[in-house]
Amino acid sequence: MVKGLAACLGALRNALLALPRFFIATIPPRDLTVTRLGVTRSRIRAYWQAHGRLPPSLSDLPPTPGRDNATVDGWGRRILYRVTGDSIVTLSSLGADGAVGGTGQDEDISVHFDARD
């Protein structure tokens, strides 16, 4: 009886551990990229407010607690960081194909902003 109960409890435990997999939504890579570009933009603006200048690279940004602080796009490639002048920033992803241009999932995604705003 004890063996049967232990086996039943073990099977129940394994089923409960596997259950979250079925309920976790997979975020499409393009949506994840747009979100990460937005979070990175906010982190750059916070860096500007704290230091009066842009970070030398995205790896110099301190993390924002409770946010996705990754600086890679939804396809696992690093977000491109380009600075023009003192405070103008362009963050980009080259889309699913990793090449300039494209349409659909291959379309490039960019955010252009002034860090002072």
C-alpha atoms as a PDB file:
ATOM      1  CA  MET A   1       0.000   0.000   0.000  1.00  0.00           C
ATOM      2  CA  VAL A   2       2.795   2.439   0.927  1.00  0.00           C
ATOM      3  CA  LYS A   3       4.684   1.606  -2.292  1.00  0.00           C
ATOM      4  CA  GLY A   4       1.572   2.222  -4.378  1.00  0.00           C
ATOM      5  CA  LEU A   5       0.909   5.539  -2.667  1.00  0.00           C
ATOM      6  CA  ALA A   6       4.532   6.632  -3.119  1.00  0.00           C
ATOM      7  CA  ALA A   7       4.404   5.739  -6.813  1.00  0.00           C
ATOM      8  CA  CYS A   8       1.134   7.621  -7.250  1.00  0.00           C
ATOM      9  CA  LEU A   9       2.496  10.697  -5.461  1.00  0.00           C
ATOM     10  CA  GLY A  10       5.665  10.547  -7.560  1.00  0.00           C
ATOM     11  CA  ALA A  11       3.645  10.442 -10.777  1.00  0.00           C
ATOM     12  CA  LEU A  12       1.490  13.344  -9.582  1.00  0.00           C
ATOM     13  CA  ARG A  13       4.591  15.378  -8.709  1.00  0.00           C
ATOM     14  CA  ASN A  14       6.081  14.777 -12.168  1.00  0.00           C
ATOM     15  CA  ALA A  15       2.826  15.799 -13.843  1.00  0.00           C
ATOM     16  CA  LEU A  16       2.651  19.002 -11.803  1.00  0.00           C
ATOM     17  CA  LEU A  17       6.267  19.864 -12.637  1.00  0.00           C
ATOM     18  CA  ALA A  18       5.572  19.454 -16.354  1.00  0.00           C
ATOM     19  CA  LEU A  19       2.327  21.450 -16.251  1.00  0.00           C
ATOM     20  CA  PRO A  20       3.802  25.000 -16.475  1.00  0.00           C
ATOM     21  CA  ARG A  21       5.315  24.192 -19.898  1.00  0.00           C
ATOM     22  CA  PHE A  22       1.832  23.973 -21.329  1.00  0.00           C
ATOM     23  CA  PHE A  23       0.771  27.366 -20.013  1.00  0.00           C
ATOM     24  CA  ILE A  24       3.834  29.485 -20.739  1.00  0.00           C
ATOM     25  CA  ALA A  25       3.210  31.460 -23.901  1.00  0.00           C
ATOM     26  CA  THR A  26       6.031  31.691 -26.371  1.00  0.00           C
ATOM     27  CA  ILE A  27       6.609  35.306 -27.356  1.00  0.00           C
ATOM     28  CA  PRO A  28       7.135  35.670 -31.116  1.00  0.00           C
ATOM     29  CA  PRO A  29      10.724  36.802 -31.867  1.00  0.00           C
ATOM     30  CA  ARG A  30       9.591  40.037 -33.522  1.00  0.00           C
ATOM     31  CA  ASP A  31       7.445  41.023 -30.504  1.00  0.00           C
ATOM     32  CA  LEU A  32      10.265  40.130 -28.119  1.00  0.00           C
ATOM     33  CA  THR A  33      12.626  42.305 -30.172  1.00  0.00           C
ATOM     34  CA  VAL A  34      10.278  45.305 -30.075  1.00  0.00           C
ATOM     35  CA  THR A  35       9.945  44.909 -26.296  1.00  0.00           C
ATOM     36  CA  ARG A  36      13.697  44.635 -25.774  1.00  0.00           C
ATOM     37  CA  LEU A  37      14.363  47.686 -27.946  1.00  0.00           C
ATOM     38  CA  GLY A  38      11.884  49.648 -25.822  1.00  0.00           C
ATOM     39  CA  VAL A  39      13.419  48.508 -22.528  1.00  0.00           C
ATOM     40  CA  THR A  40      16.911  49.268 -23.832  1.00  0.00           C
ATOM     41  CA  ARG A  41      15.757  52.747 -24.889  1.00  0.00           C
ATOM     42  CA  SER A  42      14.446  53.363 -21.350  1.00  0.00           C
ATOM     43  CA  ARG A  43      17.715  52.140 -19.836  1.00  0.00           C
ATOM     44  CA  ILE A  44      19.730  54.457 -22.116  1.00  0.00           C
ATOM     45  CA  ARG A  45      17.558  57.426 -21.136  1.00  0.00           C
ATOM     46  CA  ALA A  46      18.026  56.577 -17.441  1.00  0.00           C
ATOM     47  CA  TYR A  47      21.787  56.342 -18.009  1.00  0.00           C
ATOM     48  CA  TRP A  48      21.724  59.788 -19.658  1.00  0.00           C
ATOM     49  CA  GLN A  49      19.812  61.228 -16.691  1.00  0.00           C
ATOM     50  CA  ALA A  50      22.326  59.763 -14.229  1.00  0.00           C
ATOM     51  CA  HIS A  51      25.555  60.543 -16.136  1.00  0.00           C
ATOM     52  CA  GLY A  52      24.773  63.333 -18.617  1.00  0.00           C
ATOM     53  CA  ARG A  53      26.160  61.230 -21.453  1.00  0.00           C
ATOM     54  CA  LEU A  54      25.444  58.062 -23.393  1.00  0.00           C
ATOM     55  CA  PRO A  55      26.891  54.712 -22.349  1.00  0.00           C
ATOM     56  CA  PRO A  56      29.966  53.617 -24.328  1.00  0.00           C
ATOM     57  CA  SER A  57      28.186  50.335 -25.123  1.00  0.00           C
ATOM     58  CA  LEU A  58      24.983  48.529 -24.211  1.00  0.00           C
ATOM     59  CA  SER A  59      26.940  46.298 -21.837  1.00  0.00           C
ATOM     60  CA  ASP A  60      27.602  49.404 -19.712  1.00  0.00           C
ATOM     61  CA  LEU A  61      23.910  49.845 -18.936  1.00  0.00           C
ATOM     62  CA  PRO A  62      22.904  48.897 -15.399  1.00  0.00           C
ATOM     63  CA  PRO A  63      19.977  46.476 -15.252  1.00  0.00           C
ATOM     64  CA  THR A  64      16.475  47.686 -14.516  1.00  0.00           C
ATOM     65  CA  PRO A  65      14.953  45.449 -11.813  1.00  0.00           C
ATOM     66  CA  GLY A  66      11.934  43.476 -12.936  1.00  0.00           C
ATOM     67  CA  ARG A  67      12.531  44.094 -16.648  1.00  0.00           C
ATOM     68  CA  ASP A  68      13.960  41.994 -19.461  1.00  0.00           C
ATOM     69  CA  ASN A  69      17.420  43.569 -19.668  1.00  0.00           C
ATOM     70  CA  ALA A  70      18.714  41.397 -22.511  1.00  0.00           C
ATOM     71  CA  THR A  71      20.463  43.267 -25.311  1.00  0.00           C
ATOM     72  CA  VAL A  72      19.905  40.582 -27.925  1.00  0.00           C
ATOM     73  CA  ASP A  73      16.965  40.467 -30.314  1.00  0.00           C
ATOM     74  CA  GLY A  74      14.343  37.740 -30.455  1.00  0.00           C
ATOM     75  CA  TRP A  75      16.590  35.707 -32.760  1.00  0.00           C
ATOM     76  CA  GLY A  76      19.546  35.790 -30.361  1.00  0.00           C
ATOM     77  CA  ARG A  77      21.640  38.426 -32.162  1.00  0.00           C
ATOM     78  CA  ARG A  78      22.957  41.462 -30.320  1.00  0.00           C
ATOM     79  CA  ILE A  79      21.007  44.682 -30.657  1.00  0.00           C
ATOM     80  CA  LEU A  80      22.917  47.184 -32.778  1.00  0.00           C
ATOM     81  CA  TYR A  81      23.725  50.475 -31.008  1.00  0.00           C
ATOM     82  CA  ARG A  82      24.590  53.547 -33.060  1.00  0.00           C
ATOM     83  CA  VAL A  83      25.173  57.062 -31.714  1.00  0.00           C
ATOM     84  CA  THR A  84      24.915  60.247 -33.788  1.00  0.00           C
ATOM     85  CA  GLY A  85      26.041  63.487 -32.179  1.00  0.00           C
ATOM     86  CA  ASP A  86      25.863  63.818 -28.415  1.00  0.00           C
ATOM     87  CA  SER A  87      22.514  62.232 -27.671  1.00  0.00           C
ATOM     88  CA  ILE A  88      20.857  60.730 -30.770  1.00  0.00           C
ATOM     89  CA  VAL A  89      20.620  56.946 -30.638  1.00  0.00           C
ATOM     90  CA  THR A  90      19.494  54.276 -33.077  1.00  0.00           C
ATOM     91  CA  LEU A  91      18.866  50.761 -31.782  1.00  0.00           C
ATOM     92  CA  SER A  92      18.367  48.123 -34.471  1.00  0.00           C
ATOM     93  CA  SER A  93      17.731  44.475 -35.172  1.00  0.00           C
ATOM     94  CA  LEU A  94      18.270  43.006 -38.628  1.00  0.00           C
ATOM     95  CA  GLY A  95      15.220  40.754 -38.334  1.00  0.00           C
ATOM     96  CA  ALA A  96      15.004  36.992 -38.676  1.00  0.00           C
ATOM     97  CA  ASP A  97      17.499  36.731 -41.541  1.00  0.00           C
ATOM     98  CA  GLY A  98      20.177  38.891 -39.881  1.00  0.00           C
ATOM     99  CA  ALA A  99      20.652  40.857 -43.116  1.00  0.00           C
ATOM    100  CA  VAL A 100      19.887  44.478 -43.976  1.00  0.00           C
ATOM    101  CA  GLY A 101      16.410  45.007 -45.427  1.00  0.00           C
ATOM    102  CA  GLY A 102      13.793  42.357 -45.900  1.00  0.00           C
ATOM    103  CA  THR A 103      10.055  41.988 -45.474  1.00  0.00           C
ATOM    104  CA  GLY A 104       7.845  40.190 -42.981  1.00  0.00           C
ATOM    105  CA  GLN A 105       9.903  38.481 -40.279  1.00  0.00           C
ATOM    106  CA  ASP A 106      13.104  39.479 -42.118  1.00  0.00           C
ATOM    107  CA  GLU A 107      12.255  43.195 -41.935  1.00  0.00           C
ATOM    108  CA  ASP A 108      14.676  45.296 -39.906  1.00  0.00           C
ATOM    109  CA  ILE A 109      13.380  46.900 -36.710  1.00  0.00           C
ATOM    110  CA  SER A 110      14.792  50.233 -35.522  1.00  0.00           C
ATOM    111  CA  VAL A 111      14.161  52.731 -32.758  1.00  0.00           C
ATOM    112  CA  HIS A 112      15.582  56.235 -33.242  1.00  0.00           C
ATOM    113  CA  PHE A 113      15.470  58.689 -30.321  1.00  0.00           C
ATOM    114  CA  ASP A 114      17.116  61.535 -28.451  1.00  0.00           C
ATOM    115  CA  ALA A 115      18.327  60.280 -25.066  1.00  0.00           C
ATOM    116  CA  ARG A 116      17.709  63.707 -23.516  1.00  0.00           C
ATOM    117  CA  ASP A 117      13.923  63.448 -24.017  1.00  0.00           C
END
